[in-house]
Amino acid sequence: MNWKNPNSYGFAGVVAIALHLLVAGLFLLEWPDSHPQLAEPVPKHVMATVVQEENKAVKQRQQQAERDKQRKAREAKRRAEKERQRKLEAKRKKEQARQEKLKRERLAKQKADAEKKRQAEAERENQQRQEQQRQEQQRQQREKEQQQAEQRRLEQIAQEQAMLEQLAQERAAAELAARQEAEARAQRAAALQSEYTALIRDQIISVWRYPPAVDADMEVTLRLGLVPTGEVVQVQIIRSSGNQALDRSVEQAIYKASPLPVPSDIAVFEQNFRNFTMKFRPENASW
């Protein structure tokens, strides 16, 4: 039996009434009486009234229980709603706290970023100032170096000009001396050439025996090749006189006169007597 089910209260009431009636009947049966009397039966309408009263009480209890249940449900609902509201409020406060924290963190970050930006800007300005100062110092240093370089350049130009003037003077003096020396050497060489040419000619003519029946206007031109000792190493007829006998006689006279007199100055010899030409005419020969 489910005692907690309100629908079972009617049956319980009937049982309870039946038990009460049974107990009442037992009391009546057992009650001492000098004149025993038979128990009077309970009228049916009395039992119906008791049952109705019991049913009414049961119904009231059921209604009360239903009201209590509804009240408890409402209270539970209110408590649940209150708990939900509390949780929502807690959640809202937590979210608000989180938002506040985020806001504080955001503000702190913005402040830190602003400070960092300010410091970076200050550092950049400082670097710019330092760079400007460095560039200004470099500019001044360059100007100073340029001035010094210009001064050194002018001094060097002046020194070079002085040196050039001195060199020009020395060169002019050297050129003058060289010209004078060359002129003197040329004069000496010319004198030596003229002297030794005459000596060579005289020595060759002294041994030259030209053939008879030659014309005094006949002329033969020869190239002579000598060594520094005066030895004749080559004789070449450059221009014939037209008379082969005359030409051969001159050639033979040259070889016969070897060694020829030459100057001891090797420069004069190389320039004038290593290879040179001479002209001979019979009119200059002697018998």
Protein backbone atom coordinates (compact mmCIF):
# COMPACT_ATOMS: atom_id res chain seq x y z
CA MET A 1 0.00 0.00 0.00
CA ASN A 2 1.22 3.40 -0.90
CA TRP A 3 0.55 5.57 2.14
CA LYS A 4 2.04 8.57 0.47
CA ASN A 5 -0.55 8.48 -2.33
CA PRO A 6 -3.44 10.89 -1.46
CA ASN A 7 -5.87 8.67 -3.40
CA SER A 8 -5.38 5.90 -0.84
CA TYR A 9 -6.64 8.06 2.05
CA GLY A 10 -10.33 7.06 1.49
CA PHE A 11 -9.68 3.39 1.89
CA ALA A 12 -7.57 4.09 4.96
CA GLY A 13 -10.36 6.15 6.45
CA VAL A 14 -12.83 3.36 5.92
CA VAL A 15 -10.51 0.89 7.57
CA ALA A 16 -9.90 3.29 10.44
CA ILE A 17 -13.66 3.73 10.94
CA ALA A 18 -14.19 -0.02 10.80
CA LEU A 19 -11.50 -0.55 13.41
CA HIS A 20 -13.05 2.09 15.66
CA LEU A 21 -16.41 0.48 15.35
CA LEU A 22 -14.91 -2.93 16.07
CA VAL A 23 -13.17 -1.63 19.17
CA ALA A 24 -16.33 0.09 20.32
CA GLY A 25 -18.25 -3.12 19.87
CA LEU A 26 -15.71 -5.08 21.86
CA PHE A 27 -15.95 -2.62 24.71
CA LEU A 28 -19.63 -2.92 24.70
CA LEU A 29 -19.47 -6.69 24.72
CA GLU A 30 -16.94 -6.89 27.48
CA TRP A 31 -18.36 -4.13 29.68
CA PRO A 32 -19.68 -5.67 32.97
CA ASP A 33 -23.31 -5.28 33.40
CA SER A 34 -25.60 -6.82 35.97
CA HIS A 35 -28.12 -6.89 33.36
CA PRO A 36 -26.48 -7.91 30.28
CA GLN A 37 -27.89 -6.19 27.34
CA LEU A 38 -27.51 -6.91 23.78
CA ALA A 39 -25.50 -4.44 21.78
CA GLU A 40 -27.58 -2.22 19.82
CA PRO A 41 -26.60 -2.16 16.22
CA VAL A 42 -25.19 1.12 14.86
CA PRO A 43 -27.58 2.75 12.53
CA LYS A 44 -26.49 2.87 8.95
CA HIS A 45 -26.91 6.56 8.63
CA VAL A 46 -24.43 7.08 11.48
CA MET A 47 -21.79 5.04 9.64
CA ALA A 48 -22.43 7.00 6.49
CA THR A 49 -21.96 10.26 8.37
CA VAL A 50 -18.72 9.07 9.92
CA VAL A 51 -17.48 7.92 6.54
CA GLN A 52 -18.41 11.24 5.00
CA GLU A 53 -16.65 13.08 7.78
CA GLU A 54 -13.62 10.89 7.34
CA ASN A 55 -13.75 11.42 3.56
CA LYS A 56 -14.04 15.13 4.08
CA ALA A 57 -11.09 15.14 6.44
CA VAL A 58 -9.10 13.03 4.01
CA LYS A 59 -10.05 15.36 1.19
CA GLN A 60 -9.06 18.35 3.26
CA ARG A 61 -5.77 16.69 4.10
CA GLN A 62 -5.26 15.93 0.42
CA GLN A 63 -6.07 19.49 -0.51
CA GLN A 64 -3.78 20.72 2.22
CA ALA A 65 -1.12 18.37 1.03
CA GLU A 66 -1.66 19.60 -2.52
CA ARG A 67 -1.48 23.17 -1.32
CA ASP A 68 1.63 22.33 0.65
CA LYS A 69 3.08 20.63 -2.39
CA GLN A 70 2.25 23.63 -4.58
CA ARG A 71 3.58 25.97 -1.93
CA LYS A 72 6.77 23.93 -1.67
CA ALA A 73 6.98 23.83 -5.46
CA ARG A 74 6.53 27.60 -5.57
CA GLU A 75 9.08 28.01 -2.80
CA ALA A 76 11.43 25.65 -4.63
CA LYS A 77 10.79 27.56 -7.82
CA ARG A 78 11.37 30.84 -5.98
CA ARG A 79 14.51 29.42 -4.44
CA ALA A 80 15.62 28.10 -7.84
CA GLU A 81 14.80 31.44 -9.43
CA LYS A 82 16.54 33.21 -6.59
CA GLU A 83 19.51 30.87 -6.98
CA ARG A 84 19.43 31.44 -10.73
CA GLN A 85 19.24 35.18 -10.14
CA ARG A 86 22.05 34.88 -7.61
CA LYS A 87 24.13 32.90 -10.08
CA LEU A 88 23.27 35.36 -12.85
CA GLU A 89 24.19 38.22 -10.53
CA ALA A 90 27.37 36.44 -9.56
CA LYS A 91 28.07 35.76 -13.22
CA ARG A 92 27.24 39.37 -14.05
CA LYS A 93 29.49 40.60 -11.26
CA LYS A 94 32.19 38.18 -12.35
CA GLU A 95 31.81 39.37 -15.95
CA GLN A 96 31.75 42.95 -14.75
CA ALA A 97 34.87 42.28 -12.69
CA ARG A 98 36.48 40.65 -15.70
CA GLN A 99 35.48 43.59 -17.89
CA GLU A 100 36.80 45.97 -15.24
CA LYS A 101 40.01 43.96 -15.08
CA LEU A 102 40.26 43.98 -18.87
CA LYS A 103 39.53 47.68 -18.86
CA ARG A 104 42.21 48.26 -16.21
CA GLU A 105 44.62 46.07 -18.13
CA ARG A 106 43.72 47.85 -21.36
CA LEU A 107 44.17 51.23 -19.71
CA ALA A 108 47.42 50.04 -18.13
CA LYS A 109 48.58 48.74 -21.52
CA GLN A 110 47.54 51.98 -23.21
CA LYS A 111 49.37 53.90 -20.54
CA ALA A 112 52.41 51.65 -20.87
CA ASP A 113 52.25 51.94 -24.67
CA ALA A 114 51.90 55.69 -24.40
CA GLU A 115 54.83 55.83 -22.01
CA LYS A 116 56.82 53.52 -24.26
CA LYS A 117 55.89 55.66 -27.26
CA ARG A 118 56.85 58.79 -25.35
CA GLN A 119 60.17 57.26 -24.35
CA ALA A 120 60.75 56.06 -27.90
CA GLU A 121 59.91 59.53 -29.22
CA ALA A 122 62.20 61.09 -26.65
CA GLU A 123 64.93 58.60 -27.56
CA ARG A 124 64.37 59.30 -31.26
CA GLU A 125 64.56 63.05 -30.67
CA ASN A 126 67.68 62.52 -28.59
CA GLN A 127 69.22 60.40 -31.33
CA GLN A 128 68.23 63.02 -33.90
CA ARG A 129 69.88 65.73 -31.80
CA GLN A 130 72.97 63.58 -31.37
CA GLU A 131 72.98 62.82 -35.11
CA GLN A 132 72.61 66.51 -35.91
CA GLN A 133 75.43 67.34 -33.51
CA ARG A 134 77.55 64.56 -35.03
CA GLN A 135 76.81 65.79 -38.55
CA GLU A 136 77.58 69.36 -37.51
CA GLN A 137 80.86 68.24 -35.96
CA GLN A 138 81.65 66.25 -39.09
CA ARG A 139 80.79 69.27 -41.25
CA GLN A 140 83.02 71.50 -39.15
CA GLN A 141 85.74 68.87 -39.23
CA ARG A 142 85.40 68.57 -43.00
CA GLU A 143 85.55 72.34 -43.39
CA LYS A 144 88.61 72.44 -41.16
CA GLU A 145 90.22 69.60 -43.10
CA GLN A 146 89.31 71.30 -46.39
CA GLN A 147 90.85 74.54 -45.18
CA GLN A 148 93.95 72.69 -44.04
CA ALA A 149 94.05 70.74 -47.30
CA GLU A 150 93.63 73.97 -49.28
CA GLN A 151 96.38 75.59 -47.26
CA ARG A 152 98.63 72.56 -47.78
CA ARG A 153 97.72 72.59 -51.49
CA LEU A 154 98.63 76.27 -51.80
CA GLU A 155 101.85 75.66 -49.90
CA GLN A 156 102.58 72.65 -52.09
CA ILE A 157 101.81 74.67 -55.20
CA ALA A 158 104.14 77.39 -53.98
CA GLN A 159 106.82 74.81 -53.22
CA GLU A 160 106.29 73.10 -56.58
CA GLN A 161 106.37 76.46 -58.32
CA ALA A 162 109.60 77.30 -56.54
CA MET A 163 110.99 73.88 -57.40
CA LEU A 164 109.82 74.24 -60.99
CA GLU A 165 111.46 77.64 -61.22
CA GLN A 166 114.61 76.22 -59.68
CA LEU A 167 114.47 73.20 -61.98
CA ALA A 168 113.81 75.47 -64.91
CA GLN A 169 116.81 77.55 -63.97
CA GLU A 170 118.91 74.44 -63.43
CA ARG A 171 117.61 72.95 -66.66
CA ALA A 172 118.29 76.15 -68.51
CA ALA A 173 121.75 76.23 -67.02
CA ALA A 174 122.23 72.55 -67.81
CA GLU A 175 120.92 73.04 -71.33
CA LEU A 176 123.16 76.00 -71.78
CA ALA A 177 126.09 74.02 -70.45
CA ALA A 178 125.07 71.06 -72.60
CA ARG A 179 124.77 73.27 -75.64
CA GLN A 180 128.06 74.82 -74.90
CA GLU A 181 129.56 71.39 -74.29
CA ALA A 182 127.90 70.06 -77.45
CA GLU A 183 129.12 73.01 -79.41
CA ALA A 184 132.58 72.59 -78.00
CA ARG A 185 132.41 68.86 -78.62
CA ALA A 186 131.07 69.45 -82.11
CA GLN A 187 133.81 71.92 -82.72
CA ARG A 188 136.39 69.48 -81.39
CA ALA A 189 134.76 66.65 -83.39
CA ALA A 190 134.68 68.82 -86.48
CA ALA A 191 138.26 69.77 -85.93
CA LEU A 192 139.21 66.15 -85.31
CA GLN A 193 137.15 65.00 -88.29
CA SER A 194 138.75 67.60 -90.52
CA GLU A 195 142.19 66.83 -89.11
CA TYR A 196 141.98 63.06 -89.35
CA THR A 197 140.16 63.16 -92.68
CA ALA A 198 143.09 65.13 -94.03
CA LEU A 199 145.55 62.70 -92.41
CA ILE A 200 143.69 59.70 -93.85
CA ARG A 201 143.55 61.31 -97.29
CA ASP A 202 147.23 62.20 -97.14
CA GLN A 203 148.17 58.68 -96.08
CA ILE A 204 146.11 57.08 -98.86
CA ILE A 205 147.33 59.54 -101.51
CA SER A 206 150.88 58.89 -100.38
CA VAL A 207 150.62 55.27 -101.51
CA TRP A 208 148.17 55.75 -104.41
CA ARG A 209 149.48 55.01 -107.82
CA TYR A 210 146.77 55.63 -110.37
CA PRO A 211 147.13 54.22 -113.88
CA PRO A 212 148.23 56.36 -116.81
CA ALA A 213 145.97 57.90 -119.33
CA VAL A 214 143.36 59.05 -116.86
CA ASP A 215 141.59 62.31 -116.87
CA ALA A 216 142.21 64.67 -113.97
CA ASP A 217 138.48 65.34 -113.67
CA MET A 218 137.69 61.71 -113.05
CA GLU A 219 136.37 61.16 -109.55
CA VAL A 220 135.59 57.97 -107.62
CA THR A 221 133.53 57.85 -104.42
CA LEU A 222 134.17 55.07 -101.89
CA ARG A 223 132.75 53.97 -98.54
CA LEU A 224 135.33 52.94 -95.98
CA GLY A 225 134.72 50.71 -92.99
CA LEU A 226 137.26 50.98 -90.13
CA VAL A 227 137.74 49.61 -86.64
CA PRO A 228 138.98 51.75 -83.72
CA THR A 229 142.58 50.67 -84.41
CA GLY A 230 142.37 52.21 -87.88
CA GLU A 231 142.42 48.90 -89.74
CA VAL A 232 140.41 48.96 -92.99
CA VAL A 233 137.81 46.18 -92.91
CA GLN A 234 135.71 47.19 -95.92
CA VAL A 235 135.99 49.31 -99.05
CA GLN A 236 132.99 49.78 -101.29
CA ILE A 237 132.84 51.82 -104.47
CA ILE A 238 129.76 53.98 -104.20
CA ARG A 239 130.26 55.91 -107.43
CA SER A 240 132.64 54.80 -110.12
CA SER A 241 134.84 57.18 -112.04
CA GLY A 242 134.06 55.31 -115.25
CA ASN A 243 137.54 53.88 -115.35
CA GLN A 244 137.81 50.53 -113.67
CA ALA A 245 141.59 50.68 -113.48
CA LEU A 246 141.36 54.00 -111.65
CA ASP A 247 138.72 52.63 -109.32
CA ARG A 248 140.84 49.54 -108.47
CA SER A 249 143.93 51.68 -107.92
CA VAL A 250 142.14 53.77 -105.31
CA GLU A 251 140.79 50.67 -103.59
CA GLN A 252 144.26 49.10 -103.51
CA ALA A 253 145.77 52.30 -102.15
CA ILE A 254 143.28 52.33 -99.27
CA TYR A 255 144.08 48.77 -98.23
CA LYS A 256 147.79 49.49 -98.67
CA ALA A 257 147.59 52.59 -96.41
CA SER A 258 145.86 50.61 -93.63
CA PRO A 259 145.96 51.09 -90.70
CA LEU A 260 144.75 54.62 -91.15
CA PRO A 261 145.12 57.34 -88.56
CA VAL A 262 141.93 57.70 -86.42
CA PRO A 263 141.13 59.86 -83.37
CA SER A 264 141.47 58.32 -79.90
CA ASP A 265 138.07 59.80 -78.92
CA ILE A 266 135.81 56.80 -79.50
CA ALA A 267 132.72 58.96 -79.81
CA VAL A 268 134.33 60.96 -82.58
CA PHE A 269 135.48 57.73 -84.23
CA GLU A 270 132.04 56.08 -84.04
CA GLN A 271 130.30 59.16 -85.33
CA ASN A 272 132.70 60.01 -88.16
CA PHE A 273 135.08 57.16 -88.99
CA ARG A 274 133.33 53.85 -88.37
CA ASN A 275 131.75 54.17 -91.81
CA PHE A 276 132.45 57.22 -93.97
CA THR A 277 132.84 58.19 -97.63
CA MET A 278 135.70 59.83 -99.43
CA LYS A 279 136.21 61.14 -102.95
CA PHE A 280 139.45 60.83 -104.92
CA ARG A 281 140.66 62.47 -108.17
CA PRO A 282 143.87 61.69 -110.03
CA GLU A 283 144.96 65.28 -109.81
CA ASN A 284 145.58 64.74 -106.15
CA ALA A 285 147.81 61.76 -106.66
CA SER A 286 151.57 61.94 -106.75
CA TRP A 287 153.93 59.69 -108.62
